[in-house]
Amino acid sequence: MTRRVAAAVLTGLLLALAWCGPASAHGADAPVAADYRVVVGEVSVPGVTVRAVEGGARLELTNESGRQVTVLGLQGEEFLRVRPGGVDENRRSPTWFASRSLTGTARGGDAAATPEWHTIATEPVVRWHDERARELPARAWSVPLLVDGREPGIVRGTIVPAPAPPTGWWWAGALVAAVLVAGLYRWRWALVAVAVVAGGLTVAWIVDSAALATSPADALGTQLLARLWPLVTGAGVVAAGIGLAFRRIDIVVAIAGACLAVMVGFAESAVFREGVLAGPGWGRWAVASALAGGLGLAVAGSLRWYRTVGIDD
């Protein structure tokens, strides 16, 4: 019996890992969590607000002043132009190239060149990666502005360390819950409920995270597409759970569960060790549910696949 159990578990996990592709979870390459907090302290232009979004990965500027506000780049060049009727970006700005990714490693443009403006939004709201306001060490930062092409303005803030959550407790709780779920392998309807809840929470978390990351320049569909594989994985687990209610598809449940554990539970486990979440505040619970439910379903489905004596169908 011991050999059969071990073989069942190993087979289910190997099949799942072979089936799963690499995870690609975050729109605009924002991290799922960060160990620092970006604090906006002062915006000198009345009617202009700035806040950190996506766990500090981007700044968001909203212009309700009725005036044209230009964000100046790393070399003092005109980078973004936020006017009452929308947002333009200067694609000759070196900062525009650097802002294409979270790391800011892309190089190009010419700060001395005549701006090449392209409209990217029809609302006076814009988000962008800015290496001046990102990552530790703790420090002050600032972003210069220009109002109506002549009046200087500025955004000032600080970066502070974010206390880590109780990492060990999150891991321990998820793994204990996984063992409990695996122990339900004899009861099909219990596994159906676990699959629907774990997969459903994953889908809700992905959709909520995408909605929080949406801006006038990034539609909800774009953000969901950037999170496609975790979204499909969560939906697949829900479908596998519903399928199990009608048919004996134990190995499918095992594969789906292992994919959920790998592509969401382990892939997004930074939420257990970093203090600031890029998505909704309940994201840790969603990832813990994916890890616990996914591992538990992988083991339980594998055991059921071997038609363990006494399974209640």
C-alpha atoms as a PDB file:
ATOM      1  CA  MET A   1       0.000   0.000   0.000  1.00  0.00           C
ATOM      2  CA  THR A   2       2.848   2.391   0.842  1.00  0.00           C
ATOM      3  CA  ARG A   3       4.382   1.912  -2.593  1.00  0.00           C
ATOM      4  CA  ARG A   4       1.033   2.492  -4.262  1.00  0.00           C
ATOM      5  CA  VAL A   5       0.495   5.714  -2.332  1.00  0.00           C
ATOM      6  CA  ALA A   6       3.973   6.994  -3.164  1.00  0.00           C
ATOM      7  CA  ALA A   7       3.570   6.071  -6.819  1.00  0.00           C
ATOM      8  CA  ALA A   8       0.181   7.795  -6.954  1.00  0.00           C
ATOM      9  CA  VAL A   9       1.508  11.017  -5.463  1.00  0.00           C
ATOM     10  CA  LEU A  10       4.626  11.062  -7.634  1.00  0.00           C
ATOM     11  CA  THR A  11       2.730  10.298 -10.838  1.00  0.00           C
ATOM     12  CA  GLY A  12       0.181  13.022 -10.218  1.00  0.00           C
ATOM     13  CA  LEU A  13       2.839  15.650  -9.512  1.00  0.00           C
ATOM     14  CA  LEU A  14       5.015  14.677 -12.492  1.00  0.00           C
ATOM     15  CA  LEU A  15       2.059  14.778 -14.849  1.00  0.00           C
ATOM     16  CA  ALA A  16       1.058  18.157 -13.509  1.00  0.00           C
ATOM     17  CA  LEU A  17       4.519  19.644 -13.865  1.00  0.00           C
ATOM     18  CA  ALA A  18       4.802  18.311 -17.405  1.00  0.00           C
ATOM     19  CA  TRP A  19       1.401  19.757 -18.267  1.00  0.00           C
ATOM     20  CA  CYS A  20       1.942  23.190 -16.726  1.00  0.00           C
ATOM     21  CA  GLY A  21       3.735  25.935 -18.589  1.00  0.00           C
ATOM     22  CA  PRO A  22       5.730  28.760 -17.012  1.00  0.00           C
ATOM     23  CA  ALA A  23       3.784  31.327 -15.024  1.00  0.00           C
ATOM     24  CA  SER A  24       3.303  34.858 -16.286  1.00  0.00           C
ATOM     25  CA  ALA A  25       1.185  36.603 -13.751  1.00  0.00           C
ATOM     26  CA  HIS A  26       1.468  40.349 -13.649  1.00  0.00           C
ATOM     27  CA  GLY A  27       0.464  43.164 -15.901  1.00  0.00           C
ATOM     28  CA  ALA A  28       3.098  45.769 -16.584  1.00  0.00           C
ATOM     29  CA  ASP A  29       5.578  43.364 -14.926  1.00  0.00           C
ATOM     30  CA  ALA A  30       4.566  44.559 -11.459  1.00  0.00           C
ATOM     31  CA  PRO A  31       5.729  42.304  -8.614  1.00  0.00           C
ATOM     32  CA  VAL A  32       3.092  40.474  -6.614  1.00  0.00           C
ATOM     33  CA  ALA A  33       4.514  42.030  -3.428  1.00  0.00           C
ATOM     34  CA  ALA A  34       7.376  44.257  -2.274  1.00  0.00           C
ATOM     35  CA  ASP A  35       9.454  44.777   0.865  1.00  0.00           C
ATOM     36  CA  TYR A  36       9.177  48.568   0.681  1.00  0.00           C
ATOM     37  CA  ARG A  37       6.438  51.200   0.664  1.00  0.00           C
ATOM     38  CA  VAL A  38       6.403  54.233  -1.630  1.00  0.00           C
ATOM     39  CA  VAL A  39       4.949  57.220   0.245  1.00  0.00           C
ATOM     40  CA  VAL A  40       3.881  60.367  -1.609  1.00  0.00           C
ATOM     41  CA  GLY A  41       4.361  63.327   0.719  1.00  0.00           C
ATOM     42  CA  GLU A  42       3.866  66.531  -1.275  1.00  0.00           C
ATOM     43  CA  VAL A  43       2.455  67.585  -4.640  1.00  0.00           C
ATOM     44  CA  SER A  44       3.018  71.305  -5.145  1.00  0.00           C
ATOM     45  CA  VAL A  45       0.414  71.799  -7.902  1.00  0.00           C
ATOM     46  CA  PRO A  46      -3.165  72.333  -6.646  1.00  0.00           C
ATOM     47  CA  GLY A  47      -5.589  69.919  -8.282  1.00  0.00           C
ATOM     48  CA  VAL A  48      -2.898  67.326  -9.025  1.00  0.00           C
ATOM     49  CA  THR A  49      -2.738  64.112  -6.996  1.00  0.00           C
ATOM     50  CA  VAL A  50      -0.102  61.381  -7.123  1.00  0.00           C
ATOM     51  CA  ARG A  51      -0.144  57.965  -5.515  1.00  0.00           C
ATOM     52  CA  ALA A  52       1.839  54.739  -5.660  1.00  0.00           C
ATOM     53  CA  VAL A  53       0.043  51.767  -7.229  1.00  0.00           C
ATOM     54  CA  GLU A  54       0.768  48.085  -7.899  1.00  0.00           C
ATOM     55  CA  GLY A  55       2.753  47.687  -4.710  1.00  0.00           C
ATOM     56  CA  GLY A  56       4.927  50.692  -5.529  1.00  0.00           C
ATOM     57  CA  ALA A  57       5.788  49.496  -9.036  1.00  0.00           C
ATOM     58  CA  ARG A  58       4.208  52.567 -10.662  1.00  0.00           C
ATOM     59  CA  LEU A  59       3.186  56.108  -9.850  1.00  0.00           C
ATOM     60  CA  GLU A  60      -0.254  57.371 -10.832  1.00  0.00           C
ATOM     61  CA  LEU A  61      -0.835  61.066 -11.519  1.00  0.00           C
ATOM     62  CA  THR A  62      -4.344  62.523 -11.782  1.00  0.00           C
ATOM     63  CA  ASN A  63      -4.688  66.075 -13.073  1.00  0.00           C
ATOM     64  CA  GLU A  64      -7.907  67.860 -12.060  1.00  0.00           C
ATOM     65  CA  SER A  65      -6.341  71.303 -12.106  1.00  0.00           C
ATOM     66  CA  GLY A  66      -7.668  72.253 -15.543  1.00  0.00           C
ATOM     67  CA  ARG A  67      -4.097  73.064 -16.576  1.00  0.00           C
ATOM     68  CA  GLN A  68      -1.458  71.201 -18.568  1.00  0.00           C
ATOM     69  CA  VAL A  69       1.000  69.386 -16.316  1.00  0.00           C
ATOM     70  CA  THR A  70       4.185  67.950 -17.783  1.00  0.00           C
ATOM     71  CA  VAL A  71       6.171  65.274 -15.961  1.00  0.00           C
ATOM     72  CA  LEU A  72       9.881  65.828 -16.506  1.00  0.00           C
ATOM     73  CA  GLY A  73      12.126  62.838 -17.029  1.00  0.00           C
ATOM     74  CA  LEU A  74      15.377  61.571 -15.590  1.00  0.00           C
ATOM     75  CA  GLN A  75      17.412  64.027 -17.668  1.00  0.00           C
ATOM     76  CA  GLY A  76      15.018  66.944 -17.246  1.00  0.00           C
ATOM     77  CA  GLU A  77      13.334  66.323 -20.599  1.00  0.00           C
ATOM     78  CA  GLU A  78       9.574  66.431 -21.213  1.00  0.00           C
ATOM     79  CA  PHE A  79       8.337  62.904 -20.586  1.00  0.00           C
ATOM     80  CA  LEU A  80       4.550  62.889 -20.041  1.00  0.00           C
ATOM     81  CA  ARG A  81       2.025  65.630 -20.746  1.00  0.00           C
ATOM     82  CA  VAL A  82      -1.218  65.407 -18.728  1.00  0.00           C
ATOM     83  CA  ARG A  83      -3.814  67.879 -19.972  1.00  0.00           C
ATOM     84  CA  PRO A  84      -7.552  68.177 -19.239  1.00  0.00           C
ATOM     85  CA  GLY A  85      -8.347  66.235 -22.413  1.00  0.00           C
ATOM     86  CA  GLY A  86      -5.936  63.343 -21.990  1.00  0.00           C
ATOM     87  CA  VAL A  87      -2.328  62.163 -21.767  1.00  0.00           C
ATOM     88  CA  ASP A  88       0.537  62.330 -24.271  1.00  0.00           C
ATOM     89  CA  GLU A  89       3.899  60.579 -24.006  1.00  0.00           C
ATOM     90  CA  ASN A  90       7.142  61.745 -25.604  1.00  0.00           C
ATOM     91  CA  ARG A  91       8.604  58.732 -27.393  1.00  0.00           C
ATOM     92  CA  ARG A  92      11.930  60.469 -27.854  1.00  0.00           C
ATOM     93  CA  SER A  93      12.373  60.777 -24.100  1.00  0.00           C
ATOM     94  CA  PRO A  94      15.068  58.524 -22.571  1.00  0.00           C
ATOM     95  CA  THR A  95      12.754  58.157 -19.576  1.00  0.00           C
ATOM     96  CA  TRP A  96      10.029  56.816 -21.868  1.00  0.00           C
ATOM     97  CA  PHE A  97      12.330  53.953 -22.890  1.00  0.00           C
ATOM     98  CA  ALA A  98      13.383  53.313 -19.277  1.00  0.00           C
ATOM     99  CA  SER A  99       9.759  53.278 -18.118  1.00  0.00           C
ATOM    100  CA  ARG A 100       8.811  50.441 -20.474  1.00  0.00           C
ATOM    101  CA  SER A 101       9.825  47.921 -17.811  1.00  0.00           C
ATOM    102  CA  LEU A 102      10.056  47.700 -14.049  1.00  0.00           C
ATOM    103  CA  THR A 103      13.832  47.308 -14.158  1.00  0.00           C
ATOM    104  CA  GLY A 104      14.352  50.470 -16.225  1.00  0.00           C
ATOM    105  CA  THR A 105      17.141  48.836 -18.225  1.00  0.00           C
ATOM    106  CA  ALA A 106      15.863  49.795 -21.696  1.00  0.00           C
ATOM    107  CA  ARG A 107      17.910  52.579 -23.260  1.00  0.00           C
ATOM    108  CA  GLY A 108      17.112  54.938 -26.117  1.00  0.00           C
ATOM    109  CA  GLY A 109      15.843  58.382 -26.990  1.00  0.00           C
ATOM    110  CA  ASP A 110      17.494  61.779 -26.887  1.00  0.00           C
ATOM    111  CA  ALA A 111      16.738  64.264 -24.120  1.00  0.00           C
ATOM    112  CA  ALA A 112      17.741  67.160 -26.381  1.00  0.00           C
ATOM    113  CA  ALA A 113      15.503  66.108 -29.292  1.00  0.00           C
ATOM    114  CA  THR A 114      12.219  67.802 -30.159  1.00  0.00           C
ATOM    115  CA  PRO A 115       9.445  65.859 -28.350  1.00  0.00           C
ATOM    116  CA  GLU A 116       7.452  63.337 -30.368  1.00  0.00           C
ATOM    117  CA  TRP A 117       4.070  63.311 -28.661  1.00  0.00           C
ATOM    118  CA  HIS A 118       1.663  60.385 -28.889  1.00  0.00           C
ATOM    119  CA  THR A 119      -1.748  60.428 -27.215  1.00  0.00           C
ATOM    120  CA  ILE A 120      -2.257  57.383 -24.983  1.00  0.00           C
ATOM    121  CA  ALA A 121      -5.392  58.329 -23.012  1.00  0.00           C
ATOM    122  CA  THR A 122      -8.397  60.633 -23.193  1.00  0.00           C
ATOM    123  CA  GLU A 123      -8.634  61.082 -19.415  1.00  0.00           C
ATOM    124  CA  PRO A 124      -6.114  63.159 -17.378  1.00  0.00           C
ATOM    125  CA  VAL A 125      -4.726  60.121 -15.534  1.00  0.00           C
ATOM    126  CA  VAL A 126      -1.456  58.309 -16.205  1.00  0.00           C
ATOM    127  CA  ARG A 127       0.647  55.567 -14.621  1.00  0.00           C
ATOM    128  CA  TRP A 128       4.315  54.866 -15.215  1.00  0.00           C
ATOM    129  CA  HIS A 129       7.371  53.092 -13.831  1.00  0.00           C
ATOM    130  CA  ASP A 130       9.748  55.633 -12.304  1.00  0.00           C
ATOM    131  CA  GLU A 131      13.105  54.494 -10.978  1.00  0.00           C
ATOM    132  CA  ARG A 132      13.283  57.655  -8.865  1.00  0.00           C
ATOM    133  CA  ALA A 133      10.525  56.244  -6.646  1.00  0.00           C
ATOM    134  CA  ARG A 134      11.240  52.552  -6.435  1.00  0.00           C
ATOM    135  CA  GLU A 135      13.002  50.026  -4.209  1.00  0.00           C
ATOM    136  CA  LEU A 136      15.114  50.263  -1.088  1.00  0.00           C
ATOM    137  CA  PRO A 137      17.263  51.678   0.500  1.00  0.00           C
ATOM    138  CA  ALA A 138      15.020  54.045   2.414  1.00  0.00           C
ATOM    139  CA  ARG A 139      15.391  57.542   1.018  1.00  0.00           C
ATOM    140  CA  ALA A 140      13.634  60.663  -0.193  1.00  0.00           C
ATOM    141  CA  TRP A 141      12.675  61.004  -3.867  1.00  0.00           C
ATOM    142  CA  SER A 142      11.230  63.692  -6.114  1.00  0.00           C
ATOM    143  CA  VAL A 143       9.764  64.067  -9.604  1.00  0.00           C
ATOM    144  CA  PRO A 144       9.815  67.563 -11.200  1.00  0.00           C
ATOM    145  CA  LEU A 145       6.759  68.950 -12.996  1.00  0.00           C
ATOM    146  CA  LEU A 146       6.131  71.846 -15.364  1.00  0.00           C
ATOM    147  CA  VAL A 147       2.732  73.587 -15.359  1.00  0.00           C
ATOM    148  CA  ASP A 148       1.477  75.191 -18.581  1.00  0.00           C
ATOM    149  CA  GLY A 149       5.003  74.990 -19.946  1.00  0.00           C
ATOM    150  CA  ARG A 150       6.423  77.639 -17.617  1.00  0.00           C
ATOM    151  CA  GLU A 151       5.676  77.174 -13.895  1.00  0.00           C
ATOM    152  CA  PRO A 152       7.801  74.640 -11.998  1.00  0.00           C
ATOM    153  CA  GLY A 153       6.199  72.083  -9.714  1.00  0.00           C
ATOM    154  CA  ILE A 154       7.339  69.011  -7.864  1.00  0.00           C
ATOM    155  CA  VAL A 155       6.227  65.721  -6.344  1.00  0.00           C
ATOM    156  CA  ARG A 156       8.107  64.646  -3.226  1.00  0.00           C
ATOM    157  CA  GLY A 157       7.988  61.450  -1.246  1.00  0.00           C
ATOM    158  CA  THR A 158       9.918  58.813   0.606  1.00  0.00           C
ATOM    159  CA  ILE A 159      10.624  55.105   0.418  1.00  0.00           C
ATOM    160  CA  VAL A 160      10.369  53.215   3.705  1.00  0.00           C
ATOM    161  CA  PRO A 161      10.882  49.532   4.578  1.00  0.00           C
ATOM    162  CA  ALA A 162       7.691  47.486   4.913  1.00  0.00           C
ATOM    163  CA  PRO A 163       7.564  45.021   7.836  1.00  0.00           C
ATOM    164  CA  ALA A 164       7.354  41.408   6.673  1.00  0.00           C
ATOM    165  CA  PRO A 165       4.244  39.370   7.462  1.00  0.00           C
ATOM    166  CA  PRO A 166       4.553  36.252   9.674  1.00  0.00           C
ATOM    167  CA  THR A 167       6.012  34.200   6.817  1.00  0.00           C
ATOM    168  CA  GLY A 168       6.442  30.957   8.707  1.00  0.00           C
ATOM    169  CA  TRP A 169       2.853  30.956   9.895  1.00  0.00           C
ATOM    170  CA  TRP A 170       1.520  31.456   6.357  1.00  0.00           C
ATOM    171  CA  TRP A 171       3.597  28.565   5.006  1.00  0.00           C
ATOM    172  CA  ALA A 172       2.772  26.314   7.948  1.00  0.00           C
ATOM    173  CA  GLY A 173      -0.933  27.081   7.749  1.00  0.00           C
ATOM    174  CA  ALA A 174      -1.059  26.411   3.998  1.00  0.00           C
ATOM    175  CA  LEU A 175       0.830  23.113   4.291  1.00  0.00           C
ATOM    176  CA  VAL A 176      -1.265  21.880   7.216  1.00  0.00           C
ATOM    177  CA  ALA A 177      -4.404  22.738   5.256  1.00  0.00           C
ATOM    178  CA  ALA A 178      -3.000  20.819   2.268  1.00  0.00           C
ATOM    179  CA  VAL A 179      -2.589  17.720   4.429  1.00  0.00           C
ATOM    180  CA  LEU A 180      -6.170  18.072   5.648  1.00  0.00           C
ATOM    181  CA  VAL A 181      -7.455  18.404   2.072  1.00  0.00           C
ATOM    182  CA  ALA A 182      -5.464  15.356   0.996  1.00  0.00           C
ATOM    183  CA  GLY A 183      -7.102  13.429   3.817  1.00  0.00           C
ATOM    184  CA  LEU A 184     -10.488  14.031   2.207  1.00  0.00           C
ATOM    185  CA  TYR A 185      -9.656  11.799  -0.774  1.00  0.00           C
ATOM    186  CA  ARG A 186     -12.397   9.315   0.113  1.00  0.00           C
ATOM    187  CA  TRP A 187     -15.149  11.938  -0.144  1.00  0.00           C
ATOM    188  CA  ARG A 188     -15.742  13.166  -3.666  1.00  0.00           C
ATOM    189  CA  TRP A 189     -18.094  16.014  -2.755  1.00  0.00           C
ATOM    190  CA  ALA A 190     -15.611  17.428  -0.274  1.00  0.00           C
ATOM    191  CA  LEU A 191     -13.009  17.574  -3.058  1.00  0.00           C
ATOM    192  CA  VAL A 192     -15.550  19.189  -5.378  1.00  0.00           C
ATOM    193  CA  ALA A 193     -16.054  21.941  -2.804  1.00  0.00           C
ATOM    194  CA  VAL A 194     -12.293  22.425  -2.294  1.00  0.00           C
ATOM    195  CA  ALA A 195     -11.693  22.711  -6.048  1.00  0.00           C
ATOM    196  CA  VAL A 196     -14.474  25.230  -6.557  1.00  0.00           C
ATOM    197  CA  VAL A 197     -13.395  27.365  -3.589  1.00  0.00           C
ATOM    198  CA  ALA A 198      -9.627  27.289  -4.280  1.00  0.00           C
ATOM    199  CA  GLY A 199     -10.031  27.839  -8.006  1.00  0.00           C
ATOM    200  CA  GLY A 200     -12.739  30.450  -7.522  1.00  0.00           C
ATOM    201  CA  LEU A 201     -10.628  32.449  -5.069  1.00  0.00           C
ATOM    202  CA  THR A 202      -7.750  32.391  -7.542  1.00  0.00           C
ATOM    203  CA  VAL A 203      -9.943  33.712 -10.353  1.00  0.00           C
ATOM    204  CA  ALA A 204     -11.384  36.417  -8.097  1.00  0.00           C
ATOM    205  CA  TRP A 205      -7.887  37.448  -6.953  1.00  0.00           C
ATOM    206  CA  ILE A 206      -6.569  37.655 -10.522  1.00  0.00           C
ATOM    207  CA  VAL A 207      -9.564  39.702 -11.705  1.00  0.00           C
ATOM    208  CA  ASP A 208      -9.393  42.033  -8.690  1.00  0.00           C
ATOM    209  CA  SER A 209      -5.635  42.516  -9.148  1.00  0.00           C
ATOM    210  CA  ALA A 210      -6.144  43.280 -12.830  1.00  0.00           C
ATOM    211  CA  ALA A 211      -8.869  45.799 -12.010  1.00  0.00           C
ATOM    212  CA  LEU A 212      -6.609  47.569  -9.515  1.00  0.00           C
ATOM    213  CA  ALA A 213      -3.846  47.749 -12.135  1.00  0.00           C
ATOM    214  CA  THR A 214      -6.165  49.113 -14.832  1.00  0.00           C
ATOM    215  CA  SER A 215      -5.574  52.681 -15.963  1.00  0.00           C
ATOM    216  CA  PRO A 216      -6.597  54.829 -18.950  1.00  0.00           C
ATOM    217  CA  ALA A 217      -3.504  53.503 -20.724  1.00  0.00           C
ATOM    218  CA  ASP A 218      -4.074  49.865 -19.694  1.00  0.00           C
ATOM    219  CA  ALA A 219      -7.523  48.377 -20.264  1.00  0.00           C
ATOM    220  CA  LEU A 220      -8.844  45.596 -18.052  1.00  0.00           C
ATOM    221  CA  GLY A 221      -8.529  43.152 -20.932  1.00  0.00           C
ATOM    222  CA  THR A 222      -4.832  43.959 -21.302  1.00  0.00           C
ATOM    223  CA  GLN A 223      -4.226  43.379 -17.602  1.00  0.00           C
ATOM    224  CA  LEU A 224      -6.151  40.096 -17.649  1.00  0.00           C
ATOM    225  CA  LEU A 225      -4.188  38.911 -20.678  1.00  0.00           C
ATOM    226  CA  ALA A 226      -0.950  39.576 -18.799  1.00  0.00           C
ATOM    227  CA  ARG A 227      -2.268  37.249 -16.063  1.00  0.00           C
ATOM    228  CA  LEU A 228      -3.643  34.662 -18.472  1.00  0.00           C
ATOM    229  CA  TRP A 229      -2.052  31.453 -17.181  1.00  0.00           C
ATOM    230  CA  PRO A 230      -2.945  31.852 -13.493  1.00  0.00           C
ATOM    231  CA  LEU A 231      -6.442  32.919 -14.561  1.00  0.00           C
ATOM    232  CA  VAL A 232      -6.872  29.878 -16.802  1.00  0.00           C
ATOM    233  CA  THR A 233      -5.419  27.629 -14.095  1.00  0.00           C
ATOM    234  CA  GLY A 234      -7.916  28.852 -11.514  1.00  0.00           C
ATOM    235  CA  ALA A 235     -10.804  28.444 -13.929  1.00  0.00           C
ATOM    236  CA  GLY A 236      -9.510  24.982 -14.858  1.00  0.00           C
ATOM    237  CA  VAL A 237      -9.551  23.865 -11.226  1.00  0.00           C
ATOM    238  CA  VAL A 238     -13.148  25.068 -10.865  1.00  0.00           C
ATOM    239  CA  ALA A 239     -14.061  23.161 -14.047  1.00  0.00           C
ATOM    240  CA  ALA A 240     -12.274  20.039 -12.785  1.00  0.00           C
ATOM    241  CA  GLY A 241     -14.163  20.244  -9.511  1.00  0.00           C
ATOM    242  CA  ILE A 242     -17.503  20.573 -11.271  1.00  0.00           C
ATOM    243  CA  GLY A 243     -16.551  17.713 -13.572  1.00  0.00           C
ATOM    244  CA  LEU A 244     -15.710  15.522 -10.595  1.00  0.00           C
ATOM    245  CA  ALA A 245     -19.265  15.984  -9.374  1.00  0.00           C
ATOM    246  CA  PHE A 246     -20.525  14.109 -12.453  1.00  0.00           C
ATOM    247  CA  ARG A 247     -17.692  11.818 -13.524  1.00  0.00           C
ATOM    248  CA  ARG A 248     -14.695   9.924 -12.169  1.00  0.00           C
ATOM    249  CA  ILE A 249     -11.942  12.279 -13.440  1.00  0.00           C
ATOM    250  CA  ASP A 250      -9.553  11.840 -10.537  1.00  0.00           C
ATOM    251  CA  ILE A 251      -6.326  12.248 -12.538  1.00  0.00           C
ATOM    252  CA  VAL A 252      -7.633  15.460 -14.090  1.00  0.00           C
ATOM    253  CA  VAL A 253      -8.282  16.815 -10.607  1.00  0.00           C
ATOM    254  CA  ALA A 254      -4.758  15.807  -9.576  1.00  0.00           C
ATOM    255  CA  ILE A 255      -3.214  17.573 -12.578  1.00  0.00           C
ATOM    256  CA  ALA A 256      -5.338  20.678 -12.121  1.00  0.00           C
ATOM    257  CA  GLY A 257      -4.531  20.835  -8.410  1.00  0.00           C
ATOM    258  CA  ALA A 258      -0.784  20.521  -8.946  1.00  0.00           C
ATOM    259  CA  CYS A 259      -0.900  23.211 -11.624  1.00  0.00           C
ATOM    260  CA  LEU A 260      -2.689  25.503  -9.170  1.00  0.00           C
ATOM    261  CA  ALA A 261      -0.098  24.837  -6.470  1.00  0.00           C
ATOM    262  CA  VAL A 262       2.824  25.431  -8.855  1.00  0.00           C
ATOM    263  CA  MET A 263       1.549  28.342 -10.929  1.00  0.00           C
ATOM    264  CA  VAL A 264      -0.202  30.282  -8.180  1.00  0.00           C
ATOM    265  CA  GLY A 265       0.769  28.898  -4.773  1.00  0.00           C
ATOM    266  CA  PHE A 266       4.538  28.598  -5.224  1.00  0.00           C
ATOM    267  CA  ALA A 267       4.886  31.151  -8.037  1.00  0.00           C
ATOM    268  CA  GLU A 268       3.196  33.892  -6.007  1.00  0.00           C
ATOM    269  CA  SER A 269       4.600  32.937  -2.593  1.00  0.00           C
ATOM    270  CA  ALA A 270       6.338  36.330  -2.313  1.00  0.00           C
ATOM    271  CA  VAL A 271       3.092  37.471  -0.691  1.00  0.00           C
ATOM    272  CA  PHE A 272       4.091  35.389   2.353  1.00  0.00           C
ATOM    273  CA  ARG A 273       7.404  37.211   2.874  1.00  0.00           C
ATOM    274  CA  GLU A 274       6.885  40.780   1.601  1.00  0.00           C
ATOM    275  CA  GLY A 275       4.944  43.466   3.448  1.00  0.00           C
ATOM    276  CA  VAL A 276       3.230  45.370   0.604  1.00  0.00           C
ATOM    277  CA  LEU A 277       0.856  43.624  -1.811  1.00  0.00           C
ATOM    278  CA  ALA A 278       0.454  44.751  -5.414  1.00  0.00           C
ATOM    279  CA  GLY A 279      -3.105  43.445  -5.510  1.00  0.00           C
ATOM    280  CA  PRO A 280      -6.014  43.388  -3.039  1.00  0.00           C
ATOM    281  CA  GLY A 281      -5.355  43.094   0.671  1.00  0.00           C
ATOM    282  CA  TRP A 282      -6.779  39.564   0.836  1.00  0.00           C
ATOM    283  CA  GLY A 283      -4.252  38.306  -1.713  1.00  0.00           C
ATOM    284  CA  ARG A 284      -2.321  36.266   0.873  1.00  0.00           C
ATOM    285  CA  TRP A 285      -5.451  34.270   1.644  1.00  0.00           C
ATOM    286  CA  ALA A 286      -6.002  33.606  -2.061  1.00  0.00           C
ATOM    287  CA  VAL A 287      -2.432  32.368  -2.571  1.00  0.00           C
ATOM    288  CA  ALA A 288      -2.552  30.269   0.610  1.00  0.00           C
ATOM    289  CA  SER A 289      -5.819  28.754  -0.611  1.00  0.00           C
ATOM    290  CA  ALA A 290      -4.273  27.967  -3.997  1.00  0.00           C
ATOM    291  CA  LEU A 291      -1.242  26.353  -2.368  1.00  0.00           C
ATOM    292  CA  ALA A 292      -3.220  24.329   0.172  1.00  0.00           C
ATOM    293  CA  GLY A 293      -6.055  23.400  -2.157  1.00  0.00           C
ATOM    294  CA  GLY A 294      -3.745  22.675  -5.071  1.00  0.00           C
ATOM    295  CA  LEU A 295      -1.365  20.389  -3.161  1.00  0.00           C
ATOM    296  CA  GLY A 296      -4.234  18.671  -1.392  1.00  0.00           C
ATOM    297  CA  LEU A 297      -6.121  18.033  -4.622  1.00  0.00           C
ATOM    298  CA  ALA A 298      -2.958  16.752  -6.324  1.00  0.00           C
ATOM    299  CA  VAL A 299      -2.473  14.135  -3.628  1.00  0.00           C
ATOM    300  CA  ALA A 300      -6.153  13.288  -3.183  1.00  0.00           C
ATOM    301  CA  GLY A 301      -6.772  13.004  -6.913  1.00  0.00           C
ATOM    302  CA  SER A 302      -3.734  10.771  -7.332  1.00  0.00           C
ATOM    303  CA  LEU A 303      -4.895   8.484  -4.533  1.00  0.00           C
ATOM    304  CA  ARG A 304      -8.370   8.291  -6.036  1.00  0.00           C
ATOM    305  CA  TRP A 305      -6.862   7.521  -9.410  1.00  0.00           C
ATOM    306  CA  TYR A 306      -5.545   4.285  -7.934  1.00  0.00           C
ATOM    307  CA  ARG A 307      -9.097   3.587  -6.709  1.00  0.00           C
ATOM    308  CA  THR A 308      -8.186   3.221  -3.055  1.00  0.00           C
ATOM    309  CA  VAL A 309     -10.472   0.745  -1.280  1.00  0.00           C
ATOM    310  CA  GLY A 310     -13.384   2.396   0.464  1.00  0.00           C
ATOM    311  CA  ILE A 311     -13.676   5.590  -1.572  1.00  0.00           C
ATOM    312  CA  ASP A 312     -17.147   7.040  -1.190  1.00  0.00           C
ATOM    313  CA  ASP A 313     -18.575   7.779  -4.619  1.00  0.00           C
END
